[in-house]
PDB file of N, CA and C in Angstrom:
ATOM      1  N   UNK A   1       8.347  18.239  20.663  1.00  0.00           N
ATOM      2  CA  UNK A   1       7.063  17.630  20.533  1.00  0.00           C
ATOM      3  C   UNK A   1       6.578  17.881  18.875  1.00  0.00           C
ATOM      4  N   UNK A   2       6.945  19.026  18.513  1.00  0.00           N
ATOM      5  CA  UNK A   2       6.435  19.545  17.189  1.00  0.00           C
ATOM      6  C   UNK A   2       7.051  18.732  16.346  1.00  0.00           C
ATOM      7  N   UNK A   3       8.323  18.571  16.254  1.00  0.00           N
ATOM      8  CA  UNK A   3       9.245  17.749  15.172  1.00  0.00           C
ATOM      9  C   UNK A   3       8.471  16.335  15.174  1.00  0.00           C
ATOM     10  N   UNK A   4       8.241  15.698  16.592  1.00  0.00           N
ATOM     11  CA  UNK A   4       7.404  14.373  16.369  1.00  0.00           C
ATOM     12  C   UNK A   4       6.050  14.240  15.689  1.00  0.00           C
ATOM     13  N   UNK A   5       5.503  15.387  16.109  1.00  0.00           N
ATOM     14  CA  UNK A   5       3.899  15.374  15.315  1.00  0.00           C
ATOM     15  C   UNK A   5       4.375  15.742  13.758  1.00  0.00           C
ATOM     16  N   UNK A   6       5.107  16.221  13.319  1.00  0.00           N
ATOM     17  CA  UNK A   6       5.614  16.503  11.714  1.00  0.00           C
ATOM     18  C   UNK A   6       5.986  15.250  11.528  1.00  0.00           C
ATOM     19  N   UNK A   7       6.989  14.718  11.946  1.00  0.00           N
ATOM     20  CA  UNK A   7       7.334  13.145  11.378  1.00  0.00           C
ATOM     21  C   UNK A   7       6.338  12.356  11.396  1.00  0.00           C
ATOM     22  N   UNK A   8       5.316  12.393  12.354  1.00  0.00           N
ATOM     23  CA  UNK A   8       4.270  11.189  12.512  1.00  0.00           C
ATOM     24  C   UNK A   8       3.235  11.637  11.339  1.00  0.00           C
ATOM     25  N   UNK A   9       3.122  12.826  10.771  1.00  0.00           N
ATOM     26  CA  UNK A   9       2.169  13.418   9.872  1.00  0.00           C
ATOM     27  C   UNK A   9       2.824  13.075   8.564  1.00  0.00           C
ATOM     28  N   UNK A  10       4.163  12.950   8.317  1.00  0.00           N
ATOM     29  CA  UNK A  10       4.896  12.997   7.041  1.00  0.00           C
ATOM     30  C   UNK A  10       4.849  11.162   6.965  1.00  0.00           C
ATOM     31  N   UNK A  11       4.663  10.238   7.867  1.00  0.00           N
ATOM     32  CA  UNK A  11       4.665   8.999   7.955  1.00  0.00           C
ATOM     33  C   UNK A  11       3.522   8.607   7.262  1.00  0.00           C
ATOM     34  N   UNK A  12       2.537   9.415   7.923  1.00  0.00           N
ATOM     35  CA  UNK A  12       1.192   8.836   7.460  1.00  0.00           C
ATOM     36  C   UNK A  12       0.960   9.247   5.998  1.00  0.00           C
ATOM     37  N   UNK A  13       1.293  10.489   5.925  1.00  0.00           N
ATOM     38  CA  UNK A  13       1.149  10.920   4.291  1.00  0.00           C
ATOM     39  C   UNK A  13       2.039   9.842   3.237  1.00  0.00           C
ATOM     40  N   UNK A  14       2.915   9.237   3.740  1.00  0.00           N
ATOM     41  CA  UNK A  14       3.779   8.421   2.840  1.00  0.00           C
ATOM     42  C   UNK A  14       3.298   7.302   2.789  1.00  0.00           C
ATOM     43  N   UNK A  15       2.880   6.669   3.866  1.00  0.00           N
ATOM     44  CA  UNK A  15       2.167   5.352   4.094  1.00  0.00           C
ATOM     45  C   UNK A  15       0.810   5.131   3.627  1.00  0.00           C
ATOM     46  N   UNK A  16      -0.147   6.029   3.725  1.00  0.00           N
ATOM     47  CA  UNK A  16      -1.450   5.829   3.069  1.00  0.00           C
ATOM     48  C   UNK A  16      -1.352   5.773   1.735  1.00  0.00           C
ATOM     49  N   UNK A  17      -0.704   6.329   0.630  1.00  0.00           N
ATOM     50  CA  UNK A  17      -0.509   5.943  -0.660  1.00  0.00           C
ATOM     51  C   UNK A  17      -0.375   4.615  -0.820  1.00  0.00           C
ATOM     52  N   UNK A  18       0.854   4.115   0.010  1.00  0.00           N
ATOM     53  CA  UNK A  18       1.520   2.696   0.028  1.00  0.00           C
ATOM     54  C   UNK A  18       0.231   2.114   0.240  1.00  0.00           C
ATOM     55  N   UNK A  19      -0.586   2.055   1.175  1.00  0.00           N
ATOM     56  CA  UNK A  19      -1.533   1.105   1.511  1.00  0.00           C
ATOM     57  C   UNK A  19      -2.605   0.942   0.516  1.00  0.00           C
ATOM     58  N   UNK A  20      -2.773   2.194  -0.084  1.00  0.00           N
ATOM     59  CA  UNK A  20      -3.912   2.493  -1.261  1.00  0.00           C
ATOM     60  C   UNK A  20      -3.288   1.606  -2.457  1.00  0.00           C
ATOM     61  N   UNK A  21      -1.913   1.878  -2.704  1.00  0.00           N
ATOM     62  CA  UNK A  21      -1.526   1.142  -3.834  1.00  0.00           C
ATOM     63  C   UNK A  21      -1.521  -0.139  -3.787  1.00  0.00           C
ATOM     64  N   UNK A  22      -1.002  -0.755  -2.255  1.00  0.00           N
ATOM     65  CA  UNK A  22      -1.182  -2.385  -2.343  1.00  0.00           C
ATOM     66  C   UNK A  22      -2.587  -2.833  -2.368  1.00  0.00           C
ATOM     67  N   UNK A  23      -3.436  -2.273  -1.949  1.00  0.00           N
ATOM     68  CA  UNK A  23      -4.808  -2.646  -2.253  1.00  0.00           C
ATOM     69  C   UNK A  23      -5.162  -2.693  -3.123  1.00  0.00           C
ATOM     70  N   UNK A  24      -4.687  -1.773  -4.237  1.00  0.00           N
ATOM     71  CA  UNK A  24      -5.180  -1.601  -5.782  1.00  0.00           C
ATOM     72  C   UNK A  24      -4.512  -2.768  -6.279  1.00  0.00           C
ATOM     73  N   UNK A  25      -3.216  -2.744  -6.159  1.00  0.00           N
ATOM     74  CA  UNK A  25      -2.610  -4.135  -6.489  1.00  0.00           C
ATOM     75  C   UNK A  25      -3.162  -5.521  -6.251  1.00  0.00           C
ATOM     76  N   UNK A  26      -3.738  -5.726  -5.147  1.00  0.00           N
ATOM     77  CA  UNK A  26      -4.571  -6.954  -4.668  1.00  0.00           C
ATOM     78  C   UNK A  26      -5.566  -7.066  -5.198  1.00  0.00           C
ATOM     79  N   UNK A  27      -6.195  -5.970  -5.616  1.00  0.00           N
ATOM     80  CA  UNK A  27      -7.516  -6.126  -6.372  1.00  0.00           C
ATOM     81  C   UNK A  27      -7.552  -6.317  -7.738  1.00  0.00           C
ATOM     82  N   UNK A  28      -6.577  -5.705  -8.623  1.00  0.00           N
ATOM     83  CA  UNK A  28      -6.565  -5.866  -9.912  1.00  0.00           C
ATOM     84  C   UNK A  28      -6.237  -7.139 -10.337  1.00  0.00           C
ATOM     85  N   UNK A  29      -5.222  -7.886  -9.988  1.00  0.00           N
ATOM     86  CA  UNK A  29      -4.758  -9.115 -10.446  1.00  0.00           C
ATOM     87  C   UNK A  29      -5.598 -10.261 -10.006  1.00  0.00           C
ATOM     88  N   UNK A  30      -6.892  -9.998  -9.833  1.00  0.00           N
ATOM     89  CA  UNK A  30      -7.894 -10.986  -9.578  1.00  0.00           C
ATOM     90  C   UNK A  30      -8.246 -11.688 -10.740  1.00  0.00           C
ATOM     91  N   UNK A  31      -8.012 -11.252 -12.015  1.00  0.00           N
ATOM     92  CA  UNK A  31      -8.417 -11.945 -13.050  1.00  0.00           C
ATOM     93  C   UNK A  31      -7.045 -12.618 -13.578  1.00  0.00           C
ATOM     94  N   UNK A  32      -6.161 -12.391 -13.202  1.00  0.00           N
ATOM     95  CA  UNK A  32      -4.719 -13.033 -13.805  1.00  0.00           C
ATOM     96  C   UNK A  32      -4.101 -13.648 -12.580  1.00  0.00           C
ATOM     97  N   UNK A  33      -4.583 -14.241 -11.507  1.00  0.00           N
ATOM     98  CA  UNK A  33      -4.393 -15.118 -10.280  1.00  0.00           C
ATOM     99  C   UNK A  33      -3.145 -16.101 -11.190  1.00  0.00           C
ATOM    100  N   UNK A  34      -3.692 -16.723 -12.058  1.00  0.00           N
ATOM    101  CA  UNK A  34      -2.997 -18.057 -12.642  1.00  0.00           C
ATOM    102  C   UNK A  34      -1.681 -17.582 -13.033  1.00  0.00           C
ATOM    103  N   UNK A  35      -1.591 -16.503 -13.721  1.00  0.00           N
ATOM    104  CA  UNK A  35      -0.240 -15.867 -14.377  1.00  0.00           C
ATOM    105  C   UNK A  35       0.323 -15.268 -13.340  1.00  0.00           C
ATOM    106  N   UNK A  36       0.006 -14.170 -12.404  1.00  0.00           N
ATOM    107  CA  UNK A  36       0.850 -13.567 -11.255  1.00  0.00           C
ATOM    108  C   UNK A  36       1.067 -14.484 -10.321  1.00  0.00           C
ATOM    109  N   UNK A  37       0.359 -15.298  -9.753  1.00  0.00           N
ATOM    110  CA  UNK A  37       0.914 -16.122  -8.572  1.00  0.00           C
ATOM    111  C   UNK A  37       0.234 -17.423  -8.833  1.00  0.00           C
ATOM    112  N   UNK A  38       0.937 -18.328  -9.656  1.00  0.00           N
ATOM    113  CA  UNK A  38       0.848 -19.868  -9.621  1.00  0.00           C
ATOM    114  C   UNK A  38       0.262 -20.792  -8.741  1.00  0.00           C
ATOM    115  N   UNK A  39       1.129 -20.250  -7.768  1.00  0.00           N
ATOM    116  CA  UNK A  39       1.519 -20.971  -6.336  1.00  0.00           C
ATOM    117  C   UNK A  39      -0.414 -20.739  -5.438  1.00  0.00           C
ATOM    118  N   UNK A  40      -0.593 -19.404  -5.625  1.00  0.00           N
ATOM    119  CA  UNK A  40      -2.151 -19.296  -4.807  1.00  0.00           C
ATOM    120  C   UNK A  40      -3.099 -19.643  -5.721  1.00  0.00           C
TER     121      UNK A  40
END
């Protein structure tokens, strides 16, 4: 049980920064939508 809890905590610690980075990436290129994503 402890191993599962530790694994879950590690996953959360690793995933949270990823989601934060994704949200930052989505927020930043709003000014450069045409350059970064011409299709959108």
